[in-house]
């Protein structure tokens, strides 16, 4: 197997698993890892804005689904009434 120079590896995980993942990667000898100051600075991020946007999208999607189900139910009811009156 050839050894290839890797410029960057980005790994995202739960903060509590940081040390065990780092240790496992070092022990596996598959990658060479070095600690740096900016790694610690990047370990947490604020996802509240993303969460809020996703919650809004979910609410709009749920509303669209409910509206579609209502429309289908209304069409089905009208067809049923028409069939029964024939």
C-alpha atoms as a PDB file:
ATOM      1  CA  UNK A   1       0.000   0.000   0.000  1.00  0.00           C
ATOM      2  CA  UNK A   2       1.355   3.396  -0.966  1.00  0.00           C
ATOM      3  CA  UNK A   3       1.860   6.188   1.521  1.00  0.00           C
ATOM      4  CA  UNK A   4       0.171   9.373   0.413  1.00  0.00           C
ATOM      5  CA  UNK A   5       0.685  12.828   1.879  1.00  0.00           C
ATOM      6  CA  UNK A   6      -2.546  14.079   3.362  1.00  0.00           C
ATOM      7  CA  UNK A   7      -2.873  17.794   3.801  1.00  0.00           C
ATOM      8  CA  UNK A   8      -5.828  17.925   6.138  1.00  0.00           C
ATOM      9  CA  UNK A   9      -8.135  15.610   8.022  1.00  0.00           C
ATOM     10  CA  UNK A  10     -11.310  16.991   9.556  1.00  0.00           C
ATOM     11  CA  UNK A  11     -12.974  14.862  12.195  1.00  0.00           C
ATOM     12  CA  UNK A  12     -16.165  15.868  13.958  1.00  0.00           C
ATOM     13  CA  UNK A  13     -17.324  14.073  17.068  1.00  0.00           C
ATOM     14  CA  UNK A  14     -18.858  14.522  20.456  1.00  0.00           C
ATOM     15  CA  UNK A  15     -16.530  16.554  22.666  1.00  0.00           C
ATOM     16  CA  UNK A  16     -16.492  13.864  25.354  1.00  0.00           C
ATOM     17  CA  UNK A  17     -15.006  11.383  22.825  1.00  0.00           C
ATOM     18  CA  UNK A  18     -12.199  13.718  21.743  1.00  0.00           C
ATOM     19  CA  UNK A  19      -9.386  12.175  23.789  1.00  0.00           C
ATOM     20  CA  UNK A  20     -10.305   8.548  23.113  1.00  0.00           C
ATOM     21  CA  UNK A  21     -10.587   9.173  19.359  1.00  0.00           C
ATOM     22  CA  UNK A  22      -7.252  10.998  19.330  1.00  0.00           C
ATOM     23  CA  UNK A  23      -5.568   8.203  21.284  1.00  0.00           C
ATOM     24  CA  UNK A  24      -7.069   5.499  19.048  1.00  0.00           C
ATOM     25  CA  UNK A  25      -5.910   7.224  15.877  1.00  0.00           C
ATOM     26  CA  UNK A  26      -2.389   7.689  17.249  1.00  0.00           C
ATOM     27  CA  UNK A  27      -2.184   4.027  18.346  1.00  0.00           C
ATOM     28  CA  UNK A  28      -3.464   2.773  14.984  1.00  0.00           C
ATOM     29  CA  UNK A  29      -0.567   4.536  13.215  1.00  0.00           C
ATOM     30  CA  UNK A  30      -2.818   5.147  10.192  1.00  0.00           C
ATOM     31  CA  UNK A  31      -2.447   8.887  10.468  1.00  0.00           C
ATOM     32  CA  UNK A  32       0.055  11.209  12.070  1.00  0.00           C
ATOM     33  CA  UNK A  33      -1.653  13.627  14.419  1.00  0.00           C
ATOM     34  CA  UNK A  34      -0.336  16.710  16.070  1.00  0.00           C
ATOM     35  CA  UNK A  35      -2.108  18.844  18.615  1.00  0.00           C
ATOM     36  CA  UNK A  36      -2.411  22.529  17.891  1.00  0.00           C
ATOM     37  CA  UNK A  37      -4.011  25.503  19.583  1.00  0.00           C
ATOM     38  CA  UNK A  38      -6.620  25.975  16.887  1.00  0.00           C
ATOM     39  CA  UNK A  39      -7.879  22.419  17.331  1.00  0.00           C
ATOM     40  CA  UNK A  40      -8.974  23.234  20.869  1.00  0.00           C
ATOM     41  CA  UNK A  41     -10.535  26.494  19.679  1.00  0.00           C
ATOM     42  CA  UNK A  42     -12.653  24.619  17.129  1.00  0.00           C
ATOM     43  CA  UNK A  43     -14.013  21.924  19.410  1.00  0.00           C
ATOM     44  CA  UNK A  44     -17.318  23.599  20.122  1.00  0.00           C
ATOM     45  CA  UNK A  45     -19.694  25.542  17.957  1.00  0.00           C
ATOM     46  CA  UNK A  46     -23.028  27.239  18.446  1.00  0.00           C
ATOM     47  CA  UNK A  47     -25.675  25.355  16.511  1.00  0.00           C
ATOM     48  CA  UNK A  48     -28.700  27.103  18.010  1.00  0.00           C
ATOM     49  CA  UNK A  49     -29.289  29.203  14.866  1.00  0.00           C
ATOM     50  CA  UNK A  50     -29.106  26.099  12.684  1.00  0.00           C
ATOM     51  CA  UNK A  51     -31.435  24.260  15.060  1.00  0.00           C
ATOM     52  CA  UNK A  52     -33.957  27.109  14.883  1.00  0.00           C
ATOM     53  CA  UNK A  53     -33.878  27.184  11.060  1.00  0.00           C
ATOM     54  CA  UNK A  54     -34.333  23.423  10.910  1.00  0.00           C
ATOM     55  CA  UNK A  55     -37.242  23.594  13.371  1.00  0.00           C
ATOM     56  CA  UNK A  56     -38.915  26.195  11.128  1.00  0.00           C
ATOM     57  CA  UNK A  57     -38.394  24.014   8.056  1.00  0.00           C
ATOM     58  CA  UNK A  58     -39.830  21.005   9.883  1.00  0.00           C
ATOM     59  CA  UNK A  59     -42.882  23.028  10.950  1.00  0.00           C
ATOM     60  CA  UNK A  60     -43.481  24.204   7.364  1.00  0.00           C
ATOM     61  CA  UNK A  61     -43.061  20.652   6.063  1.00  0.00           C
ATOM     62  CA  UNK A  62     -45.493  19.262   8.630  1.00  0.00           C
ATOM     63  CA  UNK A  63     -48.022  21.958   7.721  1.00  0.00           C
ATOM     64  CA  UNK A  64     -47.652  21.119   4.028  1.00  0.00           C
ATOM     65  CA  UNK A  65     -48.170  17.420   4.733  1.00  0.00           C
ATOM     66  CA  UNK A  66     -51.274  18.099   6.817  1.00  0.00           C
ATOM     67  CA  UNK A  67     -52.673  20.384   4.098  1.00  0.00           C
ATOM     68  CA  UNK A  68     -52.005  17.732   1.447  1.00  0.00           C
ATOM     69  CA  UNK A  69     -53.683  15.030   3.528  1.00  0.00           C
ATOM     70  CA  UNK A  70     -56.684  17.306   4.077  1.00  0.00           C
ATOM     71  CA  UNK A  71     -56.947  18.014   0.330  1.00  0.00           C
ATOM     72  CA  UNK A  72     -56.713  14.309  -0.523  1.00  0.00           C
ATOM     73  CA  UNK A  73     -59.346  13.519   2.120  1.00  0.00           C
ATOM     74  CA  UNK A  74     -61.647  16.217   0.727  1.00  0.00           C
ATOM     75  CA  UNK A  75     -61.268  14.923  -2.834  1.00  0.00           C
ATOM     76  CA  UNK A  76     -61.901  11.361  -1.656  1.00  0.00           C
ATOM     77  CA  UNK A  77     -65.007  12.496   0.239  1.00  0.00           C
ATOM     78  CA  UNK A  78     -66.366  14.307  -2.823  1.00  0.00           C
ATOM     79  CA  UNK A  79     -65.734  11.295  -5.050  1.00  0.00           C
ATOM     80  CA  UNK A  80     -67.419   9.017  -2.511  1.00  0.00           C
ATOM     81  CA  UNK A  81     -70.458  11.303  -2.298  1.00  0.00           C
ATOM     82  CA  UNK A  82     -70.675  11.444  -6.081  1.00  0.00           C
ATOM     83  CA  UNK A  83     -70.465   7.656  -6.398  1.00  0.00           C
ATOM     84  CA  UNK A  84     -73.182   7.156  -3.775  1.00  0.00           C
ATOM     85  CA  UNK A  85     -75.507   9.660  -5.437  1.00  0.00           C
ATOM     86  CA  UNK A  86     -75.227   7.988  -8.853  1.00  0.00           C
END
